[in-house]
């Protein structure tokens, strides 16, 4: 609330997201990275720096991947939804900066975590 759709607002949302990431509050950080990306995306084209948008999505994917893991539910001992959400976010990042090595590598790690390394 009370934010404009400008570079300063993107930076503010990124700082909040980074602070949450540092506190290992990955769900909240992922939401703040999503906010930062939406503000970034709504800026006029002449102000867009595509590597920044890519970086925001990569950070969000890192948070989402940290949400995957064992559960207390005996019917579903492992929740992979965080990995799947990270995968989709990485796909979006690759639309911004195609073939980015870090993103391609991270996608491979996600596939390995899903025990689908042959698809990586």
Foldseek 3Di string as FASTA:
>chain_A
DPDDLDPVRLVVLQVVLVVCVVVVVLVVSLVSLVVSLVSLVPDPPVRHDLVVSLVSLLSSLVSLQVVWAADPDPVDGTRLVSLVVSLVSLVVSCVSVPPDPVSVVVNLVSCVVVVNNVVD
